[in-house]
PDB file of N, CA and C in Angstrom:
ATOM      1  N   MET A   1      81.883  96.317 127.392  1.00  0.00           N
ATOM      2  CA  MET A   1      81.990  96.225 126.217  1.00  0.00           C
ATOM      3  C   MET A   1      81.463  94.482 125.879  1.00  0.00           C
ATOM      4  N   GLU A   2      81.841  94.325 124.685  1.00  0.00           N
ATOM      5  CA  GLU A   2      80.891  93.310 123.293  1.00  0.00           C
ATOM      6  C   GLU A   2      82.033  91.959 123.199  1.00  0.00           C
ATOM      7  N   LYS A   3      82.253  90.592 123.345  1.00  0.00           N
ATOM      8  CA  LYS A   3      82.357  89.862 122.493  1.00  0.00           C
ATOM      9  C   LYS A   3      81.744  89.499 121.336  1.00  0.00           C
ATOM     10  N   ILE A   4      83.144  90.097 120.409  1.00  0.00           N
ATOM     11  CA  ILE A   4      83.373  89.759 118.937  1.00  0.00           C
ATOM     12  C   ILE A   4      83.199  87.930 118.197  1.00  0.00           C
ATOM     13  N   TYR A   5      82.055  87.210 117.935  1.00  0.00           N
ATOM     14  CA  TYR A   5      82.876  85.450 117.339  1.00  0.00           C
ATOM     15  C   TYR A   5      81.734  85.603 116.548  1.00  0.00           C
ATOM     16  N   THR A   6      82.594  84.936 115.219  1.00  0.00           N
ATOM     17  CA  THR A   6      82.117  83.812 114.451  1.00  0.00           C
ATOM     18  C   THR A   6      82.242  83.074 113.644  1.00  0.00           C
ATOM     19  N   GLU A   7      81.709  82.454 114.117  1.00  0.00           N
ATOM     20  CA  GLU A   7      81.798  81.120 113.127  1.00  0.00           C
ATOM     21  C   GLU A   7      82.952  80.686 112.024  1.00  0.00           C
ATOM     22  N   ASN A   8      83.207  81.899 111.100  1.00  0.00           N
ATOM     23  CA  ASN A   8      83.508  82.267 110.544  1.00  0.00           C
ATOM     24  C   ASN A   8      85.314  82.411 110.452  1.00  0.00           C
ATOM     25  N   ALA A   9      85.525  82.347 111.650  1.00  0.00           N
ATOM     26  CA  ALA A   9      86.665  82.404 111.592  1.00  0.00           C
ATOM     27  C   ALA A   9      87.111  81.331 112.961  1.00  0.00           C
ATOM     28  N   PRO A  10      88.664  81.286 113.235  1.00  0.00           N
ATOM     29  CA  PRO A  10      88.805  80.397 113.663  1.00  0.00           C
ATOM     30  C   PRO A  10      88.601  81.046 115.427  1.00  0.00           C
ATOM     31  N   ALA A  11      87.707  79.172 116.102  1.00  0.00           N
ATOM     32  CA  ALA A  11      87.377  79.609 117.330  1.00  0.00           C
ATOM     33  C   ALA A  11      89.451  80.452 118.519  1.00  0.00           C
ATOM     34  N   ALA A  12      89.043  81.059 119.201  1.00  0.00           N
ATOM     35  CA  ALA A  12      90.254  81.515 119.797  1.00  0.00           C
ATOM     36  C   ALA A  12      91.033  80.183 120.132  1.00  0.00           C
ATOM     37  N   ILE A  13      91.423  79.359 120.551  1.00  0.00           N
ATOM     38  CA  ILE A  13      92.310  78.414 121.210  1.00  0.00           C
ATOM     39  C   ILE A  13      93.731  78.730 122.463  1.00  0.00           C
ATOM     40  N   GLY A  14      92.359  79.899 123.561  1.00  0.00           N
ATOM     41  CA  GLY A  14      92.759  79.802 124.625  1.00  0.00           C
ATOM     42  C   GLY A  14      92.020  80.299 125.237  1.00  0.00           C
ATOM     43  N   PRO A  15      91.714  81.323 126.640  1.00  0.00           N
ATOM     44  CA  PRO A  15      90.741  82.140 126.852  1.00  0.00           C
ATOM     45  C   PRO A  15      90.870  83.576 126.430  1.00  0.00           C
ATOM     46  N   TYR A  16      90.525  83.619 125.138  1.00  0.00           N
ATOM     47  CA  TYR A  16      90.282  85.351 124.596  1.00  0.00           C
ATOM     48  C   TYR A  16      89.411  85.681 123.722  1.00  0.00           C
ATOM     49  N   SER A  17      88.585  86.431 123.053  1.00  0.00           N
ATOM     50  CA  SER A  17      88.340  86.666 122.292  1.00  0.00           C
ATOM     51  C   SER A  17      88.684  86.590 121.475  1.00  0.00           C
ATOM     52  N   GLN A  18      88.265  86.451 119.844  1.00  0.00           N
ATOM     53  CA  GLN A  18      88.346  86.691 118.608  1.00  0.00           C
ATOM     54  C   GLN A  18      88.409  88.678 118.200  1.00  0.00           C
ATOM     55  N   ALA A  19      86.966  89.092 119.207  1.00  0.00           N
ATOM     56  CA  ALA A  19      87.460  90.546 118.926  1.00  0.00           C
ATOM     57  C   ALA A  19      87.259  91.417 120.042  1.00  0.00           C
ATOM     58  N   ILE A  20      86.633  92.542 120.386  1.00  0.00           N
ATOM     59  CA  ILE A  20      85.698  92.568 121.906  1.00  0.00           C
ATOM     60  C   ILE A  20      85.706  94.335 120.967  1.00  0.00           C
ATOM     61  N   LYS A  21      84.113  94.866 121.056  1.00  0.00           N
ATOM     62  CA  LYS A  21      83.644  95.967 120.875  1.00  0.00           C
ATOM     63  C   LYS A  21      83.667  97.268 122.343  1.00  0.00           C
ATOM     64  N   ILE A  22      84.338  98.493 121.423  1.00  0.00           N
ATOM     65  CA  ILE A  22      83.805  99.107 123.083  1.00  0.00           C
ATOM     66  C   ILE A  22      83.951 100.252 122.512  1.00  0.00           C
ATOM     67  N   ASN A  23      83.593 101.395 123.624  1.00  0.00           N
ATOM     68  CA  ASN A  23      83.237 102.829 123.343  1.00  0.00           C
ATOM     69  C   ASN A  23      84.211 103.239 121.392  1.00  0.00           C
ATOM     70  N   GLY A  24      83.259 101.631 120.417  1.00  0.00           N
ATOM     71  CA  GLY A  24      83.039 102.635 119.137  1.00  0.00           C
ATOM     72  C   GLY A  24      83.736 102.251 118.445  1.00  0.00           C
ATOM     73  N   MET A  25      84.572 101.343 119.204  1.00  0.00           N
ATOM     74  CA  MET A  25      85.912 100.484 118.975  1.00  0.00           C
ATOM     75  C   MET A  25      86.623  98.879 118.371  1.00  0.00           C
ATOM     76  N   VAL A  26      86.953  98.456 116.968  1.00  0.00           N
ATOM     77  CA  VAL A  26      86.746  96.476 117.007  1.00  0.00           C
ATOM     78  C   VAL A  26      88.715  96.773 117.876  1.00  0.00           C
ATOM     79  N   TYR A  27      88.742  95.668 118.807  1.00  0.00           N
ATOM     80  CA  TYR A  27      90.415  95.219 119.127  1.00  0.00           C
ATOM     81  C   TYR A  27      90.253  93.664 118.233  1.00  0.00           C
ATOM     82  N   THR A  28      90.822  93.514 118.015  1.00  0.00           N
ATOM     83  CA  THR A  28      91.102  92.297 117.450  1.00  0.00           C
ATOM     84  C   THR A  28      91.938  91.420 118.119  1.00  0.00           C
ATOM     85  N   SER A  29      91.834  90.326 118.737  1.00  0.00           N
ATOM     86  CA  SER A  29      92.460  89.461 118.207  1.00  0.00           C
ATOM     87  C   SER A  29      93.686  88.685 117.367  1.00  0.00           C
ATOM     88  N   GLY A  30      94.600  88.242 116.994  1.00  0.00           N
ATOM     89  CA  GLY A  30      95.420  88.119 116.317  1.00  0.00           C
ATOM     90  C   GLY A  30      95.188  87.106 115.289  1.00  0.00           C
ATOM     91  N   GLN A  31      95.589  86.373 114.298  1.00  0.00           N
ATOM     92  CA  GLN A  31      94.897  85.559 113.653  1.00  0.00           C
ATOM     93  C   GLN A  31      95.855  85.380 113.094  1.00  0.00           C
ATOM     94  N   ILE A  32      96.129  83.662 112.950  1.00  0.00           N
ATOM     95  CA  ILE A  32      97.087  83.262 111.540  1.00  0.00           C
ATOM     96  C   ILE A  32      96.271  82.440 111.309  1.00  0.00           C
ATOM     97  N   ALA A  33      96.957  81.644 110.092  1.00  0.00           N
ATOM     98  CA  ALA A  33      96.288  81.295 109.809  1.00  0.00           C
ATOM     99  C   ALA A  33      95.482  79.797 110.168  1.00  0.00           C
ATOM    100  N   ILE A  34      94.876  79.462 109.789  1.00  0.00           N
ATOM    101  CA  ILE A  34      93.935  78.330 110.792  1.00  0.00           C
ATOM    102  C   ILE A  34      92.606  78.761 109.432  1.00  0.00           C
ATOM    103  N   ASN A  35      92.423  77.930 109.233  1.00  0.00           N
ATOM    104  CA  ASN A  35      91.041  77.491 108.159  1.00  0.00           C
ATOM    105  C   ASN A  35      90.124  77.361 108.643  1.00  0.00           C
ATOM    106  N   PRO A  36      88.777  78.617 108.994  1.00  0.00           N
ATOM    107  CA  PRO A  36      88.320  77.420 110.289  1.00  0.00           C
ATOM    108  C   PRO A  36      87.135  76.543 109.982  1.00  0.00           C
ATOM    109  N   ALA A  37      87.078  75.246 108.658  1.00  0.00           N
ATOM    110  CA  ALA A  37      86.315  74.797 108.284  1.00  0.00           C
ATOM    111  C   ALA A  37      87.337  73.052 109.027  1.00  0.00           C
ATOM    112  N   THR A  38      88.117  73.053 108.440  1.00  0.00           N
ATOM    113  CA  THR A  38      89.230  72.087 109.404  1.00  0.00           C
ATOM    114  C   THR A  38      90.249  72.595 110.257  1.00  0.00           C
ATOM    115  N   GLY A  39      90.769  73.680 110.922  1.00  0.00           N
ATOM    116  CA  GLY A  39      91.007  73.780 111.868  1.00  0.00           C
ATOM    117  C   GLY A  39      91.681  73.977 112.394  1.00  0.00           C
ATOM    118  N   ASN A  40      92.535  73.461 111.053  1.00  0.00           N
ATOM    119  CA  ASN A  40      94.248  73.388 110.077  1.00  0.00           C
ATOM    120  C   ASN A  40      94.847  74.448 109.585  1.00  0.00           C
ATOM    121  N   ILE A  41      95.384  74.610 109.349  1.00  0.00           N
ATOM    122  CA  ILE A  41      96.135  75.843 108.907  1.00  0.00           C
ATOM    123  C   ILE A  41      96.807  74.907 108.023  1.00  0.00           C
ATOM    124  N   GLU A  42      96.511  74.986 107.011  1.00  0.00           N
ATOM    125  CA  GLU A  42      97.176  74.083 105.398  1.00  0.00           C
ATOM    126  C   GLU A  42      97.745  74.690 104.554  1.00  0.00           C
ATOM    127  N   ALA A  43      97.496  76.126 103.994  1.00  0.00           N
ATOM    128  CA  ALA A  43      99.230  77.103 102.996  1.00  0.00           C
ATOM    129  C   ALA A  43      99.719  76.453 104.323  1.00  0.00           C
ATOM    130  N   GLN A  44     101.419  76.171 103.610  1.00  0.00           N
ATOM    131  CA  GLN A  44     102.652  76.390 104.256  1.00  0.00           C
ATOM    132  C   GLN A  44     103.046  77.592 103.675  1.00  0.00           C
ATOM    133  N   ASP A  45     102.830  78.060 102.401  1.00  0.00           N
ATOM    134  CA  ASP A  45     103.993  79.490 102.604  1.00  0.00           C
ATOM    135  C   ASP A  45     103.319  81.103 102.936  1.00  0.00           C
ATOM    136  N   ILE A  46     104.290  81.482 102.738  1.00  0.00           N
ATOM    137  CA  ILE A  46     103.797  83.444 103.307  1.00  0.00           C
ATOM    138  C   ILE A  46     102.125  83.905 102.972  1.00  0.00           C
ATOM    139  N   GLN A  47     102.635  83.769 101.613  1.00  0.00           N
ATOM    140  CA  GLN A  47     101.276  84.080 100.780  1.00  0.00           C
ATOM    141  C   GLN A  47      99.963  83.751 100.975  1.00  0.00           C
ATOM    142  N   GLY A  48      99.909  82.200 101.207  1.00  0.00           N
ATOM    143  CA  GLY A  48      99.049  81.294 101.684  1.00  0.00           C
ATOM    144  C   GLY A  48      98.312  81.527 102.576  1.00  0.00           C
ATOM    145  N   GLN A  49      98.751  82.078 103.597  1.00  0.00           N
ATOM    146  CA  GLN A  49      99.012  81.593 105.294  1.00  0.00           C
ATOM    147  C   GLN A  49      98.269  83.690 105.110  1.00  0.00           C
ATOM    148  N   THR A  50      98.885  84.402 104.715  1.00  0.00           N
ATOM    149  CA  THR A  50      98.799  85.040 105.134  1.00  0.00           C
ATOM    150  C   THR A  50      97.188  86.257 104.405  1.00  0.00           C
ATOM    151  N   GLU A  51      96.812  85.510 102.498  1.00  0.00           N
ATOM    152  CA  GLU A  51      95.702  85.480 102.998  1.00  0.00           C
ATOM    153  C   GLU A  51      94.149  83.985 103.265  1.00  0.00           C
ATOM    154  N   GLN A  52      94.921  83.363 104.045  1.00  0.00           N
ATOM    155  CA  GLN A  52      93.610  83.324 105.921  1.00  0.00           C
ATOM    156  C   GLN A  52      93.110  84.166 106.588  1.00  0.00           C
ATOM    157  N   VAL A  53      94.714  84.730 106.804  1.00  0.00           N
ATOM    158  CA  VAL A  53      94.766  86.136 107.656  1.00  0.00           C
ATOM    159  C   VAL A  53      93.535  86.856 107.700  1.00  0.00           C
ATOM    160  N   MET A  54      94.085  87.851 106.871  1.00  0.00           N
ATOM    161  CA  MET A  54      93.530  88.320 106.126  1.00  0.00           C
ATOM    162  C   MET A  54      91.096  88.212 105.844  1.00  0.00           C
ATOM    163  N   GLN A  55      90.958  86.578 105.673  1.00  0.00           N
ATOM    164  CA  GLN A  55      90.073  86.529 105.229  1.00  0.00           C
ATOM    165  C   GLN A  55      89.752  85.853 107.434  1.00  0.00           C
ATOM    166  N   ASN A  56      90.002  84.795 108.216  1.00  0.00           N
ATOM    167  CA  ASN A  56      89.410  85.731 108.941  1.00  0.00           C
ATOM    168  C   ASN A  56      89.062  87.481 109.670  1.00  0.00           C
ATOM    169  N   LEU A  57      90.385  87.695 109.860  1.00  0.00           N
ATOM    170  CA  LEU A  57      89.977  89.458 110.056  1.00  0.00           C
ATOM    171  C   LEU A  57      88.902  89.316 109.237  1.00  0.00           C
ATOM    172  N   LYS A  58      88.951  89.352 108.001  1.00  0.00           N
ATOM    173  CA  LYS A  58      87.066  90.078 107.186  1.00  0.00           C
ATOM    174  C   LYS A  58      86.032  89.629 107.887  1.00  0.00           C
ATOM    175  N   HIS A  59      86.409  88.934 108.346  1.00  0.00           N
ATOM    176  CA  HIS A  59      84.967  87.987 108.772  1.00  0.00           C
ATOM    177  C   HIS A  59      84.671  88.941 109.897  1.00  0.00           C
ATOM    178  N   VAL A  60      86.256  88.403 111.137  1.00  0.00           N
ATOM    179  CA  VAL A  60      85.902  89.093 112.607  1.00  0.00           C
ATOM    180  C   VAL A  60      84.910  90.755 112.471  1.00  0.00           C
ATOM    181  N   LEU A  61      85.882  91.078 111.592  1.00  0.00           N
ATOM    182  CA  LEU A  61      85.327  92.828 111.603  1.00  0.00           C
ATOM    183  C   LEU A  61      84.375  92.858 110.741  1.00  0.00           C
ATOM    184  N   GLU A  62      84.052  91.917 110.142  1.00  0.00           N
ATOM    185  CA  GLU A  62      82.698  92.632 109.360  1.00  0.00           C
ATOM    186  C   GLU A  62      81.145  91.730 110.218  1.00  0.00           C
ATOM    187  N   THR A  63      81.430  90.633 111.775  1.00  0.00           N
ATOM    188  CA  THR A  63      81.251  90.634 112.163  1.00  0.00           C
ATOM    189  C   THR A  63      80.495  91.470 113.027  1.00  0.00           C
ATOM    190  N   ALA A  64      82.183  92.417 113.381  1.00  0.00           N
ATOM    191  CA  ALA A  64      81.637  93.918 114.372  1.00  0.00           C
ATOM    192  C   ALA A  64      80.971  94.390 113.982  1.00  0.00           C
ATOM    193  N   GLY A  65      80.596  94.987 113.032  1.00  0.00           N
ATOM    194  CA  GLY A  65      80.339  96.569 112.234  1.00  0.00           C
ATOM    195  C   GLY A  65      80.992  97.280 111.009  1.00  0.00           C
ATOM    196  N   THR A  66      81.992  96.404 111.157  1.00  0.00           N
ATOM    197  CA  THR A  66      83.023  96.871 110.160  1.00  0.00           C
ATOM    198  C   THR A  66      84.328  96.838 109.675  1.00  0.00           C
ATOM    199  N   ASP A  67      84.919  97.250 108.681  1.00  0.00           N
ATOM    200  CA  ASP A  67      85.560  96.355 107.606  1.00  0.00           C
ATOM    201  C   ASP A  67      86.763  96.814 107.605  1.00  0.00           C
ATOM    202  N   PHE A  68      87.632  96.747 106.817  1.00  0.00           N
ATOM    203  CA  PHE A  68      89.552  97.399 105.990  1.00  0.00           C
ATOM    204  C   PHE A  68      89.395  98.711 106.497  1.00  0.00           C
ATOM    205  N   SER A  69      88.597  99.607 106.033  1.00  0.00           N
ATOM    206  CA  SER A  69      88.613 100.337 105.418  1.00  0.00           C
ATOM    207  C   SER A  69      88.669 101.168 106.435  1.00  0.00           C
ATOM    208  N   LYS A  70      88.059 100.578 108.078  1.00  0.00           N
ATOM    209  CA  LYS A  70      88.190 101.207 109.324  1.00  0.00           C
ATOM    210  C   LYS A  70      89.360 100.609 110.143  1.00  0.00           C
ATOM    211  N   ILE A  71      90.283 100.548 109.773  1.00  0.00           N
ATOM    212  CA  ILE A  71      91.220  99.768 110.734  1.00  0.00           C
ATOM    213  C   ILE A  71      92.154 101.313 110.450  1.00  0.00           C
ATOM    214  N   VAL A  72      92.287 102.051 112.365  1.00  0.00           N
ATOM    215  CA  VAL A  72      93.252 102.506 112.040  1.00  0.00           C
ATOM    216  C   VAL A  72      94.778 102.001 112.312  1.00  0.00           C
ATOM    217  N   LYS A  73      95.214 100.820 113.034  1.00  0.00           N
ATOM    218  CA  LYS A  73      96.455 100.145 114.186  1.00  0.00           C
ATOM    219  C   LYS A  73      96.791  99.259 113.484  1.00  0.00           C
ATOM    220  N   THR A  74      97.859  97.782 112.564  1.00  0.00           N
ATOM    221  CA  THR A  74      98.071  96.643 112.341  1.00  0.00           C
ATOM    222  C   THR A  74      98.749  96.673 112.971  1.00  0.00           C
ATOM    223  N   THR A  75      98.854  95.645 113.910  1.00  0.00           N
ATOM    224  CA  THR A  75     100.161  94.714 114.536  1.00  0.00           C
ATOM    225  C   THR A  75     100.594  93.388 113.495  1.00  0.00           C
ATOM    226  N   CYS A  76     101.652  93.822 112.861  1.00  0.00           N
ATOM    227  CA  CYS A  76     102.205  92.427 112.239  1.00  0.00           C
ATOM    228  C   CYS A  76     103.391  91.733 112.826  1.00  0.00           C
ATOM    229  N   PHE A  77     103.228  90.394 113.038  1.00  0.00           N
ATOM    230  CA  PHE A  77     103.647  89.725 113.020  1.00  0.00           C
ATOM    231  C   PHE A  77     104.911  88.198 112.529  1.00  0.00           C
ATOM    232  N   LEU A  78     105.787  87.849 111.651  1.00  0.00           N
ATOM    233  CA  LEU A  78     106.233  87.428 110.591  1.00  0.00           C
ATOM    234  C   LEU A  78     107.754  86.301 111.166  1.00  0.00           C
ATOM    235  N   ALA A  79     107.403  84.892 110.677  1.00  0.00           N
ATOM    236  CA  ALA A  79     108.414  84.176 112.015  1.00  0.00           C
ATOM    237  C   ALA A  79     109.587  84.679 111.301  1.00  0.00           C
ATOM    238  N   GLU A  80     109.735  84.462 109.494  1.00  0.00           N
ATOM    239  CA  GLU A  80     111.081  85.539 109.055  1.00  0.00           C
ATOM    240  C   GLU A  80     110.550  87.075 108.554  1.00  0.00           C
ATOM    241  N   ILE A  81     111.705  87.373 108.578  1.00  0.00           N
ATOM    242  CA  ILE A  81     111.276  89.464 108.007  1.00  0.00           C
ATOM    243  C   ILE A  81     111.638  89.428 106.706  1.00  0.00           C
ATOM    244  N   ALA A  82     112.430  87.990 106.401  1.00  0.00           N
ATOM    245  CA  ALA A  82     112.189  87.635 104.231  1.00  0.00           C
ATOM    246  C   ALA A  82     111.485  87.776 104.350  1.00  0.00           C
ATOM    247  N   ASP A  83     110.434  87.473 104.910  1.00  0.00           N
ATOM    248  CA  ASP A  83     109.079  87.186 103.779  1.00  0.00           C
ATOM    249  C   ASP A  83     107.835  88.406 103.962  1.00  0.00           C
ATOM    250  N   PHE A  84     109.104  90.054 104.166  1.00  0.00           N
ATOM    251  CA  PHE A  84     108.367  90.981 104.198  1.00  0.00           C
ATOM    252  C   PHE A  84     107.205  91.337 103.062  1.00  0.00           C
ATOM    253  N   GLY A  85     107.988  91.327 101.928  1.00  0.00           N
ATOM    254  CA  GLY A  85     108.545  91.588 100.356  1.00  0.00           C
ATOM    255  C   GLY A  85     106.347  91.076 100.101  1.00  0.00           C
ATOM    256  N   ALA A  86     106.359  89.448  99.965  1.00  0.00           N
ATOM    257  CA  ALA A  86     105.601  88.900  99.910  1.00  0.00           C
ATOM    258  C   ALA A  86     103.893  89.236 100.603  1.00  0.00           C
ATOM    259  N   PHE A  87     104.809  89.057 101.900  1.00  0.00           N
ATOM    260  CA  PHE A  87     103.348  89.285 103.164  1.00  0.00           C
ATOM    261  C   PHE A  87     102.761  91.271 102.436  1.00  0.00           C
ATOM    262  N   ASN A  88     103.531  92.162 102.032  1.00  0.00           N
ATOM    263  CA  ASN A  88     102.968  93.592 101.889  1.00  0.00           C
ATOM    264  C   ASN A  88     102.404  92.575 100.583  1.00  0.00           C
ATOM    265  N   GLU A  89     102.797  91.635 100.170  1.00  0.00           N
ATOM    266  CA  GLU A  89     101.932  92.316  98.404  1.00  0.00           C
ATOM    267  C   GLU A  89     100.297  91.696  98.718  1.00  0.00           C
ATOM    268  N   ILE A  90     100.402  90.130  99.745  1.00  0.00           N
ATOM    269  CA  ILE A  90      98.986  90.609  99.997  1.00  0.00           C
ATOM    270  C   ILE A  90      98.648  90.693 101.194  1.00  0.00           C
ATOM    271  N   TYR A  91      99.598  91.250 101.984  1.00  0.00           N
ATOM    272  CA  TYR A  91      98.337  92.229 103.018  1.00  0.00           C
ATOM    273  C   TYR A  91      97.652  94.134 102.030  1.00  0.00           C
ATOM    274  N   GLY A  92      98.977  94.624 102.310  1.00  0.00           N
ATOM    275  CA  GLY A  92      98.311  95.362 100.651  1.00  0.00           C
ATOM    276  C   GLY A  92      96.913  95.207  99.610  1.00  0.00           C
ATOM    277  N   LYS A  93      96.346  93.853  99.648  1.00  0.00           N
ATOM    278  CA  LYS A  93      95.455  93.938  99.043  1.00  0.00           C
ATOM    279  C   LYS A  93      94.239  94.014  99.053  1.00  0.00           C
ATOM    280  N   TYR A  94      93.891  93.674 100.586  1.00  0.00           N
ATOM    281  CA  TYR A  94      93.531  93.857 101.918  1.00  0.00           C
ATOM    282  C   TYR A  94      93.240  95.150 102.676  1.00  0.00           C
ATOM    283  N   ILE A  95      94.504  96.216 102.445  1.00  0.00           N
ATOM    284  CA  ILE A  95      94.204  96.843 103.647  1.00  0.00           C
ATOM    285  C   ILE A  95      94.484  98.157 102.532  1.00  0.00           C
ATOM    286  N   THR A  96      93.569  98.531 101.872  1.00  0.00           N
ATOM    287  CA  THR A  96      94.640  99.802 100.732  1.00  0.00           C
ATOM    288  C   THR A  96      94.186 101.226 101.627  1.00  0.00           C
ATOM    289  N   GLU A  97      93.834 101.863 103.222  1.00  0.00           N
ATOM    290  CA  GLU A  97      93.647 102.617 104.056  1.00  0.00           C
ATOM    291  C   GLU A  97      94.874 103.424 103.685  1.00  0.00           C
ATOM    292  N   LYS A  98      95.851 102.872 103.474  1.00  0.00           N
ATOM    293  CA  LYS A  98      97.302 102.712 105.287  1.00  0.00           C
ATOM    294  C   LYS A  98      96.729 103.614 106.546  1.00  0.00           C
ATOM    295  N   PRO A  99      96.710 101.997 107.594  1.00  0.00           N
ATOM    296  CA  PRO A  99      96.044 103.161 108.322  1.00  0.00           C
ATOM    297  C   PRO A  99      98.321 102.631 109.166  1.00  0.00           C
ATOM    298  N   ALA A 100      98.303 103.367 110.309  1.00  0.00           N
ATOM    299  CA  ALA A 100      99.329 103.104 111.600  1.00  0.00           C
ATOM    300  C   ALA A 100      99.776 101.507 110.761  1.00  0.00           C
ATOM    301  N   ARG A 101     100.465 100.469 111.539  1.00  0.00           N
ATOM    302  CA  ARG A 101     101.788  99.815 111.291  1.00  0.00           C
ATOM    303  C   ARG A 101     102.782  99.087 111.922  1.00  0.00           C
ATOM    304  N   SER A 102     102.480  98.918 112.576  1.00  0.00           N
ATOM    305  CA  SER A 102     103.967  97.843 113.514  1.00  0.00           C
ATOM    306  C   SER A 102     104.300  96.341 112.506  1.00  0.00           C
ATOM    307  N   CYS A 103     105.334  95.615 112.475  1.00  0.00           N
ATOM    308  CA  CYS A 103     105.205  95.009 111.325  1.00  0.00           C
ATOM    309  C   CYS A 103     106.684  94.265 112.320  1.00  0.00           C
ATOM    310  N   VAL A 104     106.946  93.028 113.135  1.00  0.00           N
ATOM    311  CA  VAL A 104     107.837  93.172 114.466  1.00  0.00           C
ATOM    312  C   VAL A 104     108.451  91.247 113.236  1.00  0.00           C
ATOM    313  N   ALA A 105     109.351  91.124 113.327  1.00  0.00           N
ATOM    314  CA  ALA A 105     109.789  89.269 113.920  1.00  0.00           C
ATOM    315  C   ALA A 105     110.104  88.718 114.989  1.00  0.00           C
ATOM    316  N   VAL A 106     110.029  87.225 115.149  1.00  0.00           N
ATOM    317  CA  VAL A 106     108.876  86.759 116.100  1.00  0.00           C
ATOM    318  C   VAL A 106     109.199  85.399 115.724  1.00  0.00           C
ATOM    319  N   LYS A 107     110.412  85.426 117.361  1.00  0.00           N
ATOM    320  CA  LYS A 107     111.417  83.341 117.263  1.00  0.00           C
ATOM    321  C   LYS A 107     109.410  82.750 116.450  1.00  0.00           C
ATOM    322  N   ASP A 108     109.086  82.923 117.323  1.00  0.00           N
ATOM    323  CA  ASP A 108     107.643  81.717 117.086  1.00  0.00           C
ATOM    324  C   ASP A 108     106.415  81.952 117.294  1.00  0.00           C
ATOM    325  N   LEU A 109     105.565  81.814 116.554  1.00  0.00           N
ATOM    326  CA  LEU A 109     103.744  82.044 116.352  1.00  0.00           C
ATOM    327  C   LEU A 109     103.206  80.119 116.879  1.00  0.00           C
ATOM    328  N   PRO A 110     102.365  80.753 117.344  1.00  0.00           N
ATOM    329  CA  PRO A 110     100.143  79.174 117.824  1.00  0.00           C
ATOM    330  C   PRO A 110     100.969  78.242 116.586  1.00  0.00           C
ATOM    331  N   LYS A 111     100.836  77.203 116.433  1.00  0.00           N
ATOM    332  CA  LYS A 111     100.934  76.618 115.437  1.00  0.00           C
ATOM    333  C   LYS A 111     101.885  77.041 114.485  1.00  0.00           C
ATOM    334  N   ASN A 112     103.307  77.245 114.591  1.00  0.00           N
ATOM    335  CA  ASN A 112     103.979  77.019 114.111  1.00  0.00           C
ATOM    336  C   ASN A 112     103.865  77.936 112.232  1.00  0.00           C
ATOM    337  N   ALA A 113     102.342  78.743 112.771  1.00  0.00           N
ATOM    338  CA  ALA A 113     101.849  80.496 112.052  1.00  0.00           C
ATOM    339  C   ALA A 113     103.470  80.529 110.843  1.00  0.00           C
ATOM    340  N   LEU A 114     103.306  80.893 109.935  1.00  0.00           N
ATOM    341  CA  LEU A 114     104.034  81.808 109.568  1.00  0.00           C
ATOM    342  C   LEU A 114     103.663  83.473 110.131  1.00  0.00           C
ATOM    343  N   VAL A 115     102.748  83.756 110.418  1.00  0.00           N
ATOM    344  CA  VAL A 115     102.045  85.063 110.377  1.00  0.00           C
ATOM    345  C   VAL A 115     101.177  85.701 111.057  1.00  0.00           C
ATOM    346  N   GLU A 116     100.727  86.500 112.175  1.00  0.00           N
ATOM    347  CA  GLU A 116      99.712  86.643 112.660  1.00  0.00           C
ATOM    348  C   GLU A 116      99.819  88.175 112.571  1.00  0.00           C
ATOM    349  N   VAL A 117      98.549  88.584 112.460  1.00  0.00           N
ATOM    350  CA  VAL A 117      97.698  89.644 112.128  1.00  0.00           C
ATOM    351  C   VAL A 117      97.300  90.525 114.068  1.00  0.00           C
ATOM    352  N   GLU A 118      97.013  91.748 113.991  1.00  0.00           N
ATOM    353  CA  GLU A 118      96.005  91.749 115.045  1.00  0.00           C
ATOM    354  C   GLU A 118      95.493  93.402 114.052  1.00  0.00           C
ATOM    355  N   VAL A 119      94.170  94.056 114.310  1.00  0.00           N
ATOM    356  CA  VAL A 119      94.076  95.212 114.271  1.00  0.00           C
ATOM    357  C   VAL A 119      93.090  95.945 115.346  1.00  0.00           C
ATOM    358  N   ILE A 120      92.779  96.654 114.911  1.00  0.00           N
ATOM    359  CA  ILE A 120      92.111  98.490 116.001  1.00  0.00           C
ATOM    360  C   ILE A 120      91.564  99.153 114.572  1.00  0.00           C
ATOM    361  N   ALA A 121      90.132  99.864 114.773  1.00  0.00           N
ATOM    362  CA  ALA A 121      88.883  99.515 113.973  1.00  0.00           C
ATOM    363  C   ALA A 121      88.023  99.772 114.425  1.00  0.00           C
ATOM    364  N   ILE A 122      87.717 100.912 113.852  1.00  0.00           N
ATOM    365  CA  ILE A 122      86.912 101.914 113.836  1.00  0.00           C
ATOM    366  C   ILE A 122      85.417 101.769 113.782  1.00  0.00           C
ATOM    367  N   ALA A 123      84.479 101.329 114.909  1.00  0.00           N
ATOM    368  CA  ALA A 123      83.499 100.396 114.478  1.00  0.00           C
ATOM    369  C   ALA A 123      81.750 100.902 114.489  1.00  0.00           C
ATOM    370  N   GLU A 124      81.019 100.673 113.346  1.00  0.00           N
ATOM    371  CA  GLU A 124      80.202 101.288 112.993  1.00  0.00           C
ATOM    372  C   GLU A 124      79.218 101.343 113.462  1.00  0.00           C
TER     373      GLU A 124
END
């Protein structure tokens, strides 16, 4: 089991890894819209936060030796289900291979984020 870490995505804010690579698969932790350069959530709207989340996931996946095209499953958490359409607009720019997905609204996310996404991908 290999722990994945990159400075190009936010450090874990708890006792967990950004991702784990095992048996040819990568399992990412949920990413929220923290800008790794500042350590803060800067975007205040769902589209801006989704862009940051997808950039964070891109860097974690690249560090693990894979990319968005190898994703087999995503789990998406939204603070407001009304943001579903706006979230999909940005999500669809990055994840084009149409993996399996769950998307649910939740009561709260860490640091009052509007969106969190985790993925499972095939490792190269």
